[in-house]
Amino acid sequence: MVSTQKPTTRYEYFKKARGHEANGELEDALRAYDTAIEISDTYAHAYFYKSRLLFRMEKYGECIGCAEKARQLEPTWSNYITEMIEDAKKRL
């Protein structure tokens, strides 16, 4: 049974974003990632997956800023994030 309650936590919005993304509802996914980040501006997973979505949407400038924030919050992800940033810079 699918819950009809509105998400309230950063994780619930993150899950909602992932679902929207999987269904091809990219703008809805973007809004849900934004809400997760508004709830917790240190939520590295939301920044990381939002940056991947922005890359997919060909919003490369926004992707770079979001990816840099994820890398700042989670330095151990640096290799993968740096690669995405470099790919996005090539497409600007």
PDB file of N, CA and C in Angstrom:
ATOM      1  N   MET A   1       0.833  -1.182   0.000  1.00  0.00           N
ATOM      2  CA  MET A   1       0.000   0.000   0.000  1.00  0.00           C
ATOM      3  C   MET A   1       0.883   1.252   0.000  1.00  0.00           C
ATOM      4  N   VAL A   2       0.593   2.185  -0.861  1.00  0.00           N
ATOM      5  CA  VAL A   2       1.368   3.411  -0.982  1.00  0.00           C
ATOM      6  C   VAL A   2       0.835   4.436   0.008  1.00  0.00           C
ATOM      7  N   SER A   3       1.758   5.052   0.719  1.00  0.00           N
ATOM      8  CA  SER A   3       1.377   6.064   1.697  1.00  0.00           C
ATOM      9  C   SER A   3       0.955   7.346   0.985  1.00  0.00           C
ATOM     10  N   THR A   4      -0.091   7.973   1.499  1.00  0.00           N
ATOM     11  CA  THR A   4      -0.547   9.242   0.935  1.00  0.00           C
ATOM     12  C   THR A   4      -0.112  10.411   1.794  1.00  0.00           C
ATOM     13  N   GLN A   5       0.630  10.115   2.873  1.00  0.00           N
ATOM     14  CA  GLN A   5       1.109  11.177   3.743  1.00  0.00           C
ATOM     15  C   GLN A   5       2.234  11.949   3.051  1.00  0.00           C
ATOM     16  N   LYS A   6       2.267  13.242   3.316  1.00  0.00           N
ATOM     17  CA  LYS A   6       3.320  14.092   2.767  1.00  0.00           C
ATOM     18  C   LYS A   6       4.634  13.777   3.493  1.00  0.00           C
ATOM     19  N   PRO A   7       5.735  13.672   2.724  1.00  0.00           N
ATOM     20  CA  PRO A   7       7.030  13.441   3.365  1.00  0.00           C
ATOM     21  C   PRO A   7       7.360  14.571   4.346  1.00  0.00           C
ATOM     22  N   THR A   8       8.091  14.226   5.384  1.00  0.00           N
ATOM     23  CA  THR A   8       8.454  15.240   6.367  1.00  0.00           C
ATOM     24  C   THR A   8       9.953  15.285   6.656  1.00  0.00           C
ATOM     25  N   THR A   9      10.665  14.212   6.389  1.00  0.00           N
ATOM     26  CA  THR A   9      12.099  14.183   6.705  1.00  0.00           C
ATOM     27  C   THR A   9      12.929  14.298   5.425  1.00  0.00           C
ATOM     28  N   ARG A  10      14.188  14.619   5.608  1.00  0.00           N
ATOM     29  CA  ARG A  10      15.078  14.728   4.454  1.00  0.00           C
ATOM     30  C   ARG A  10      15.144  13.400   3.707  1.00  0.00           C
ATOM     31  N   TYR A  11      15.178  12.310   4.464  1.00  0.00           N
ATOM     32  CA  TYR A  11      15.268  10.995   3.837  1.00  0.00           C
ATOM     33  C   TYR A  11      13.998  10.669   3.053  1.00  0.00           C
ATOM     34  N   GLU A  12      12.841  11.013   3.587  1.00  0.00           N
ATOM     35  CA  GLU A  12      11.589  10.751   2.875  1.00  0.00           C
ATOM     36  C   GLU A  12      11.545  11.531   1.561  1.00  0.00           C
ATOM     37  N   TYR A  13      12.004  12.782   1.575  1.00  0.00           N
ATOM     38  CA  TYR A  13      12.051  13.561   0.339  1.00  0.00           C
ATOM     39  C   TYR A  13      13.081  12.999  -0.626  1.00  0.00           C
ATOM     40  N   PHE A  14      14.193  12.518  -0.089  1.00  0.00           N
ATOM     41  CA  PHE A  14      15.214  11.892  -0.920  1.00  0.00           C
ATOM     42  C   PHE A  14      14.638  10.655  -1.610  1.00  0.00           C
ATOM     43  N   LYS A  15      13.949   9.821  -0.850  1.00  0.00           N
ATOM     44  CA  LYS A  15      13.317   8.625  -1.421  1.00  0.00           C
ATOM     45  C   LYS A  15      12.295   9.014  -2.483  1.00  0.00           C
ATOM     46  N   LYS A  16      11.531  10.040  -2.202  1.00  0.00           N
ATOM     47  CA  LYS A  16      10.534  10.521  -3.164  1.00  0.00           C
ATOM     48  C   LYS A  16      11.232  10.986  -4.448  1.00  0.00           C
ATOM     49  N   ALA A  17      12.332  11.706  -4.308  1.00  0.00           N
ATOM     50  CA  ALA A  17      13.095  12.174  -5.465  1.00  0.00           C
ATOM     51  C   ALA A  17      13.590  11.000  -6.303  1.00  0.00           C
ATOM     52  N   ARG A  18      14.131   9.993  -5.649  1.00  0.00           N
ATOM     53  CA  ARG A  18      14.638   8.813  -6.362  1.00  0.00           C
ATOM     54  C   ARG A  18      13.512   8.128  -7.124  1.00  0.00           C
ATOM     55  N   GLY A  19      12.329   8.043  -6.503  1.00  0.00           N
ATOM     56  CA  GLY A  19      11.180   7.449  -7.182  1.00  0.00           C
ATOM     57  C   GLY A  19      10.762   8.248  -8.402  1.00  0.00           C
ATOM     58  N   HIS A  20      10.684   9.559  -8.240  1.00  0.00           N
ATOM     59  CA  HIS A  20      10.341  10.416  -9.379  1.00  0.00           C
ATOM     60  C   HIS A  20      11.359  10.244 -10.503  1.00  0.00           C
ATOM     61  N   GLU A  21      12.620  10.214 -10.124  1.00  0.00           N
ATOM     62  CA  GLU A  21      13.676  10.077 -11.126  1.00  0.00           C
ATOM     63  C   GLU A  21      13.534   8.754 -11.874  1.00  0.00           C
ATOM     64  N   ALA A  22      13.277   7.682 -11.142  1.00  0.00           N
ATOM     65  CA  ALA A  22      13.117   6.363 -11.760  1.00  0.00           C
ATOM     66  C   ALA A  22      11.932   6.332 -12.726  1.00  0.00           C
ATOM     67  N   ASN A  23      10.931   7.146 -12.450  1.00  0.00           N
ATOM     68  CA  ASN A  23       9.738   7.205 -13.305  1.00  0.00           C
ATOM     69  C   ASN A  23       9.858   8.245 -14.417  1.00  0.00           C
ATOM     70  N   GLY A  24      11.024   8.892 -14.526  1.00  0.00           N
ATOM     71  CA  GLY A  24      11.227   9.881 -15.564  1.00  0.00           C
ATOM     72  C   GLY A  24      10.607  11.241 -15.262  1.00  0.00           C
ATOM     73  N   GLU A  25      10.201  11.444 -14.020  1.00  0.00           N
ATOM     74  CA  GLU A  25       9.590  12.709 -13.584  1.00  0.00           C
ATOM     75  C   GLU A  25      10.696  13.614 -13.044  1.00  0.00           C
ATOM     76  N   LEU A  26      11.488  14.141 -13.959  1.00  0.00           N
ATOM     77  CA  LEU A  26      12.728  14.801 -13.582  1.00  0.00           C
ATOM     78  C   LEU A  26      12.508  16.099 -12.822  1.00  0.00           C
ATOM     79  N   GLU A  27      11.570  16.921 -13.228  1.00  0.00           N
ATOM     80  CA  GLU A  27      11.310  18.181 -12.516  1.00  0.00           C
ATOM     81  C   GLU A  27      10.793  17.905 -11.105  1.00  0.00           C
ATOM     82  N   ASP A  28       9.926  16.897 -10.959  1.00  0.00           N
ATOM     83  CA  ASP A  28       9.436  16.529  -9.630  1.00  0.00           C
ATOM     84  C   ASP A  28      10.580  16.013  -8.763  1.00  0.00           C
ATOM     85  N   ALA A  29      11.473  15.249  -9.367  1.00  0.00           N
ATOM     86  CA  ALA A  29      12.635  14.742  -8.635  1.00  0.00           C
ATOM     87  C   ALA A  29      13.505  15.899  -8.159  1.00  0.00           C
ATOM     88  N   LEU A  30      13.715  16.858  -9.036  1.00  0.00           N
ATOM     89  CA  LEU A  30      14.535  18.020  -8.688  1.00  0.00           C
ATOM     90  C   LEU A  30      13.931  18.774  -7.507  1.00  0.00           C
ATOM     91  N   ARG A  31      12.628  18.979  -7.534  1.00  0.00           N
ATOM     92  CA  ARG A  31      11.959  19.670  -6.414  1.00  0.00           C
ATOM     93  C   ARG A  31      12.096  18.883  -5.109  1.00  0.00           C
ATOM     94  N   ALA A  32      11.985  17.569  -5.178  1.00  0.00           N
ATOM     95  CA  ALA A  32      12.103  16.753  -3.969  1.00  0.00           C
ATOM     96  C   ALA A  32      13.535  16.785  -3.425  1.00  0.00           C
ATOM     97  N   TYR A  33      14.535  16.737  -4.299  1.00  0.00           N
ATOM     98  CA  TYR A  33      15.923  16.882  -3.834  1.00  0.00           C
ATOM     99  C   TYR A  33      16.116  18.243  -3.173  1.00  0.00           C
ATOM    100  N   ASP A  34      15.564  19.278  -3.801  1.00  0.00           N
ATOM    101  CA  ASP A  34      15.684  20.625  -3.225  1.00  0.00           C
ATOM    102  C   ASP A  34      15.075  20.691  -1.833  1.00  0.00           C
ATOM    103  N   THR A  35      13.939  20.050  -1.644  1.00  0.00           N
ATOM    104  CA  THR A  35      13.294  20.068  -0.335  1.00  0.00           C
ATOM    105  C   THR A  35      14.125  19.304   0.682  1.00  0.00           C
ATOM    106  N   ALA A  36      14.683  18.165   0.290  1.00  0.00           N
ATOM    107  CA  ALA A  36      15.558  17.412   1.202  1.00  0.00           C
ATOM    108  C   ALA A  36      16.735  18.275   1.637  1.00  0.00           C
ATOM    109  N   ILE A  37      17.286  19.045   0.708  1.00  0.00           N
ATOM    110  CA  ILE A  37      18.419  19.920   1.012  1.00  0.00           C
ATOM    111  C   ILE A  37      17.982  21.089   1.881  1.00  0.00           C
ATOM    112  N   GLU A  38      16.779  21.616   1.646  1.00  0.00           N
ATOM    113  CA  GLU A  38      16.260  22.693   2.498  1.00  0.00           C
ATOM    114  C   GLU A  38      16.112  22.218   3.941  1.00  0.00           C
ATOM    115  N   ILE A  39      15.676  20.985   4.110  1.00  0.00           N
ATOM    116  CA  ILE A  39      15.517  20.421   5.455  1.00  0.00           C
ATOM    117  C   ILE A  39      16.875  20.245   6.119  1.00  0.00           C
ATOM    118  N   SER A  40      17.858  19.800   5.340  1.00  0.00           N
ATOM    119  CA  SER A  40      19.200  19.561   5.883  1.00  0.00           C
ATOM    120  C   SER A  40      20.239  19.921   4.834  1.00  0.00           C
ATOM    121  N   ASP A  41      20.846  21.088   4.994  1.00  0.00           N
ATOM    122  CA  ASP A  41      21.810  21.549   3.994  1.00  0.00           C
ATOM    123  C   ASP A  41      23.160  20.828   4.073  1.00  0.00           C
ATOM    124  N   THR A  42      23.252  19.807   4.925  1.00  0.00           N
ATOM    125  CA  THR A  42      24.463  18.989   4.993  1.00  0.00           C
ATOM    126  C   THR A  42      24.190  17.561   4.506  1.00  0.00           C
ATOM    127  N   TYR A  43      23.106  17.368   3.779  1.00  0.00           N
ATOM    128  CA  TYR A  43      22.715  16.040   3.299  1.00  0.00           C
ATOM    129  C   TYR A  43      23.440  15.737   1.987  1.00  0.00           C
ATOM    130  N   ALA A  44      24.626  15.179   2.102  1.00  0.00           N
ATOM    131  CA  ALA A  44      25.502  14.954   0.952  1.00  0.00           C
ATOM    132  C   ALA A  44      24.862  14.076  -0.116  1.00  0.00           C
ATOM    133  N   HIS A  45      24.131  13.054   0.292  1.00  0.00           N
ATOM    134  CA  HIS A  45      23.493  12.180  -0.697  1.00  0.00           C
ATOM    135  C   HIS A  45      22.536  12.959  -1.596  1.00  0.00           C
ATOM    136  N   ALA A  46      21.771  13.865  -1.017  1.00  0.00           N
ATOM    137  CA  ALA A  46      20.834  14.654  -1.816  1.00  0.00           C
ATOM    138  C   ALA A  46      21.586  15.539  -2.809  1.00  0.00           C
ATOM    139  N   TYR A  47      22.662  16.171  -2.362  1.00  0.00           N
ATOM    140  CA  TYR A  47      23.462  16.991  -3.274  1.00  0.00           C
ATOM    141  C   TYR A  47      24.058  16.138  -4.397  1.00  0.00           C
ATOM    142  N   PHE A  48      24.570  14.974  -4.032  1.00  0.00           N
ATOM    143  CA  PHE A  48      25.203  14.105  -5.023  1.00  0.00           C
ATOM    144  C   PHE A  48      24.204  13.643  -6.078  1.00  0.00           C
ATOM    145  N   TYR A  49      23.062  13.116  -5.640  1.00  0.00           N
ATOM    146  CA  TYR A  49      22.088  12.624  -6.599  1.00  0.00           C
ATOM    147  C   TYR A  49      21.425  13.760  -7.370  1.00  0.00           C
ATOM    148  N   LYS A  50      21.276  14.913  -6.746  1.00  0.00           N
ATOM    149  CA  LYS A  50      20.762  16.078  -7.467  1.00  0.00           C
ATOM    150  C   LYS A  50      21.757  16.477  -8.557  1.00  0.00           C
ATOM    151  N   SER A  51      23.048  16.441  -8.263  1.00  0.00           N
ATOM    152  CA  SER A  51      24.037  16.798  -9.280  1.00  0.00           C
ATOM    153  C   SER A  51      23.994  15.816 -10.445  1.00  0.00           C
ATOM    154  N   ARG A  52      23.811  14.539 -10.168  1.00  0.00           N
ATOM    155  CA  ARG A  52      23.685  13.545 -11.249  1.00  0.00           C
ATOM    156  C   ARG A  52      22.457  13.828 -12.095  1.00  0.00           C
ATOM    157  N   LEU A  53      21.350  14.184 -11.436  1.00  0.00           N
ATOM    158  CA  LEU A  53      20.123  14.509 -12.166  1.00  0.00           C
ATOM    159  C   LEU A  53      20.322  15.751 -13.031  1.00  0.00           C
ATOM    160  N   LEU A  54      20.956  16.769 -12.473  1.00  0.00           N
ATOM    161  CA  LEU A  54      21.209  17.983 -13.241  1.00  0.00           C
ATOM    162  C   LEU A  54      22.081  17.692 -14.456  1.00  0.00           C
ATOM    163  N   PHE A  55      23.051  16.810 -14.304  1.00  0.00           N
ATOM    164  CA  PHE A  55      23.886  16.401 -15.437  1.00  0.00           C
ATOM    165  C   PHE A  55      23.008  15.751 -16.499  1.00  0.00           C
ATOM    166  N   ARG A  56      22.162  14.847 -16.067  1.00  0.00           N
ATOM    167  CA  ARG A  56      21.242  14.153 -16.984  1.00  0.00           C
ATOM    168  C   ARG A  56      20.329  15.143 -17.703  1.00  0.00           C
ATOM    169  N   MET A  57      19.950  16.214 -17.015  1.00  0.00           N
ATOM    170  CA  MET A  57      19.067  17.229 -17.584  1.00  0.00           C
ATOM    171  C   MET A  57      19.838  18.273 -18.404  1.00  0.00           C
ATOM    172  N   GLU A  58      21.151  18.067 -18.518  1.00  0.00           N
ATOM    173  CA  GLU A  58      22.052  18.953 -19.264  1.00  0.00           C
ATOM    174  C   GLU A  58      22.125  20.359 -18.662  1.00  0.00           C
ATOM    175  N   LYS A  59      21.978  20.441 -17.351  1.00  0.00           N
ATOM    176  CA  LYS A  59      22.132  21.700 -16.616  1.00  0.00           C
ATOM    177  C   LYS A  59      23.508  21.654 -15.959  1.00  0.00           C
ATOM    178  N   TYR A  60      24.526  21.771 -16.786  1.00  0.00           N
ATOM    179  CA  TYR A  60      25.895  21.490 -16.360  1.00  0.00           C
ATOM    180  C   TYR A  60      26.444  22.485 -15.345  1.00  0.00           C
ATOM    181  N   GLY A  61      26.134  23.758 -15.487  1.00  0.00           N
ATOM    182  CA  GLY A  61      26.605  24.742 -14.515  1.00  0.00           C
ATOM    183  C   GLY A  61      26.061  24.459 -13.122  1.00  0.00           C
ATOM    184  N   GLU A  62      24.765  24.173 -13.042  1.00  0.00           N
ATOM    185  CA  GLU A  62      24.151  23.843 -11.754  1.00  0.00           C
ATOM    186  C   GLU A  62      24.696  22.525 -11.217  1.00  0.00           C
ATOM    187  N   CYS A  63      24.926  21.584 -12.113  1.00  0.00           N
ATOM    188  CA  CYS A  63      25.481  20.282 -11.734  1.00  0.00           C
ATOM    189  C   CYS A  63      26.820  20.457 -11.028  1.00  0.00           C
ATOM    190  N   ILE A  64      27.668  21.303 -11.581  1.00  0.00           N
ATOM    191  CA  ILE A  64      29.006  21.506 -11.022  1.00  0.00           C
ATOM    192  C   ILE A  64      28.917  22.060  -9.603  1.00  0.00           C
ATOM    193  N   GLY A  65      28.088  23.078  -9.396  1.00  0.00           N
ATOM    194  CA  GLY A  65      27.949  23.662  -8.062  1.00  0.00           C
ATOM    195  C   GLY A  65      27.439  22.661  -7.042  1.00  0.00           C
ATOM    196  N   CYS A  66      26.472  21.876  -7.455  1.00  0.00           N
ATOM    197  CA  CYS A  66      25.884  20.877  -6.564  1.00  0.00           C
ATOM    198  C   CYS A  66      26.904  19.765  -6.257  1.00  0.00           C
ATOM    199  N   ALA A  67      27.622  19.330  -7.272  1.00  0.00           N
ATOM    200  CA  ALA A  67      28.630  18.285  -7.079  1.00  0.00           C
ATOM    201  C   ALA A  67      29.752  18.768  -6.174  1.00  0.00           C
ATOM    202  N   GLU A  68      30.149  20.039  -6.330  1.00  0.00           N
ATOM    203  CA  GLU A  68      31.198  20.582  -5.463  1.00  0.00           C
ATOM    204  C   GLU A  68      30.742  20.603  -4.008  1.00  0.00           C
ATOM    205  N   LYS A  69      29.470  20.894  -3.772  1.00  0.00           N
ATOM    206  CA  LYS A  69      28.942  20.875  -2.404  1.00  0.00           C
ATOM    207  C   LYS A  69      28.963  19.453  -1.844  1.00  0.00           C
ATOM    208  N   ALA A  70      28.582  18.479  -2.665  1.00  0.00           N
ATOM    209  CA  ALA A  70      28.622  17.074  -2.226  1.00  0.00           C
ATOM    210  C   ALA A  70      30.049  16.661  -1.887  1.00  0.00           C
ATOM    211  N   ARG A  71      31.001  17.065  -2.728  1.00  0.00           N
ATOM    212  CA  ARG A  71      32.412  16.728  -2.491  1.00  0.00           C
ATOM    213  C   ARG A  71      32.927  17.383  -1.209  1.00  0.00           C
ATOM    214  N   GLN A  72      32.496  18.614  -0.943  1.00  0.00           N
ATOM    215  CA  GLN A  72      32.887  19.307   0.283  1.00  0.00           C
ATOM    216  C   GLN A  72      32.340  18.566   1.511  1.00  0.00           C
ATOM    217  N   LEU A  73      31.114  18.089   1.414  1.00  0.00           N
ATOM    218  CA  LEU A  73      30.484  17.396   2.541  1.00  0.00           C
ATOM    219  C   LEU A  73      31.019  15.977   2.727  1.00  0.00           C
ATOM    220  N   GLU A  74      31.383  15.319   1.638  1.00  0.00           N
ATOM    221  CA  GLU A  74      31.875  13.937   1.689  1.00  0.00           C
ATOM    222  C   GLU A  74      33.162  13.815   0.872  1.00  0.00           C
ATOM    223  N   PRO A  75      34.289  14.247   1.430  1.00  0.00           N
ATOM    224  CA  PRO A  75      35.557  14.206   0.688  1.00  0.00           C
ATOM    225  C   PRO A  75      35.947  12.812   0.201  1.00  0.00           C
ATOM    226  N   THR A  76      35.456  11.765   0.844  1.00  0.00           N
ATOM    227  CA  THR A  76      35.808  10.411   0.418  1.00  0.00           C
ATOM    228  C   THR A  76      35.186  10.051  -0.930  1.00  0.00           C
ATOM    229  N   TRP A  77      34.212  10.818  -1.379  1.00  0.00           N
ATOM    230  CA  TRP A  77      33.595  10.583  -2.688  1.00  0.00           C
ATOM    231  C   TRP A  77      34.314  11.352  -3.790  1.00  0.00           C
ATOM    232  N   SER A  78      35.403  11.973  -3.473  1.00  0.00           N
ATOM    233  CA  SER A  78      36.068  12.926  -4.358  1.00  0.00           C
ATOM    234  C   SER A  78      36.360  12.392  -5.761  1.00  0.00           C
ATOM    235  N   ASN A  79      36.878  11.180  -5.873  1.00  0.00           N
ATOM    236  CA  ASN A  79      37.262  10.664  -7.190  1.00  0.00           C
ATOM    237  C   ASN A  79      36.084  10.655  -8.157  1.00  0.00           C
ATOM    238  N   TYR A  80      34.968  10.087  -7.737  1.00  0.00           N
ATOM    239  CA  TYR A  80      33.809   9.991  -8.618  1.00  0.00           C
ATOM    240  C   TYR A  80      33.217  11.371  -8.899  1.00  0.00           C
ATOM    241  N   ILE A  81      33.119  12.181  -7.879  1.00  0.00           N
ATOM    242  CA  ILE A  81      32.531  13.510  -8.048  1.00  0.00           C
ATOM    243  C   ILE A  81      33.402  14.376  -8.945  1.00  0.00           C
ATOM    244  N   THR A  82      34.708  14.305  -8.764  1.00  0.00           N
ATOM    245  CA  THR A  82      35.626  15.086  -9.596  1.00  0.00           C
ATOM    246  C   THR A  82      35.469  14.709 -11.057  1.00  0.00           C
ATOM    247  N   GLU A  83      35.309  13.429 -11.329  1.00  0.00           N
ATOM    248  CA  GLU A  83      35.103  12.965 -12.703  1.00  0.00           C
ATOM    249  C   GLU A  83      33.830  13.564 -13.301  1.00  0.00           C
ATOM    250  N   MET A  84      32.758  13.593 -12.521  1.00  0.00           N
ATOM    251  CA  MET A  84      31.505  14.171 -13.001  1.00  0.00           C
ATOM    252  C   MET A  84      31.660  15.675 -13.248  1.00  0.00           C
ATOM    253  N   ILE A  85      32.338  16.356 -12.350  1.00  0.00           N
ATOM    254  CA  ILE A  85      32.563  17.795 -12.515  1.00  0.00           C
ATOM    255  C   ILE A  85      33.347  18.062 -13.803  1.00  0.00           C
ATOM    256  N   GLU A  86      34.391  17.286 -14.028  1.00  0.00           N
ATOM    257  CA  GLU A  86      35.192  17.471 -15.243  1.00  0.00           C
ATOM    258  C   GLU A  86      34.366  17.204 -16.500  1.00  0.00           C
ATOM    259  N   ASP A  87      33.534  16.165 -16.468  1.00  0.00           N
ATOM    260  CA  ASP A  87      32.668  15.864 -17.613  1.00  0.00           C
ATOM    261  C   ASP A  87      31.683  17.009 -17.849  1.00  0.00           C
ATOM    262  N   ALA A  88      31.135  17.568 -16.776  1.00  0.00           N
ATOM    263  CA  ALA A  88      30.182  18.670 -16.899  1.00  0.00           C
ATOM    264  C   ALA A  88      30.872  19.917 -17.456  1.00  0.00           C
ATOM    265  N   LYS A  89      32.093  20.182 -17.015  1.00  0.00           N
ATOM    266  CA  LYS A  89      32.840  21.351 -17.523  1.00  0.00           C
ATOM    267  C   LYS A  89      33.087  21.240 -19.017  1.00  0.00           C
ATOM    268  N   LYS A  90      33.333  20.050 -19.500  1.00  0.00           N
ATOM    269  CA  LYS A  90      33.566  19.832 -20.943  1.00  0.00           C
ATOM    270  C   LYS A  90      32.316  20.141 -21.763  1.00  0.00           C
ATOM    271  N   ARG A  91      31.167  20.040 -21.131  1.00  0.00           N
ATOM    272  CA  ARG A  91      29.904  20.216 -21.860  1.00  0.00           C
ATOM    273  C   ARG A  91      29.343  21.643 -21.752  1.00  0.00           C
ATOM    274  N   LEU A  92      29.987  22.485 -20.943  1.00  0.00           N
ATOM    275  CA  LEU A  92      29.499  23.858 -20.806  1.00  0.00           C
ATOM    276  C   LEU A  92      29.632  24.638 -22.103  1.00  0.00           C
TER     277      LEU A  92
END
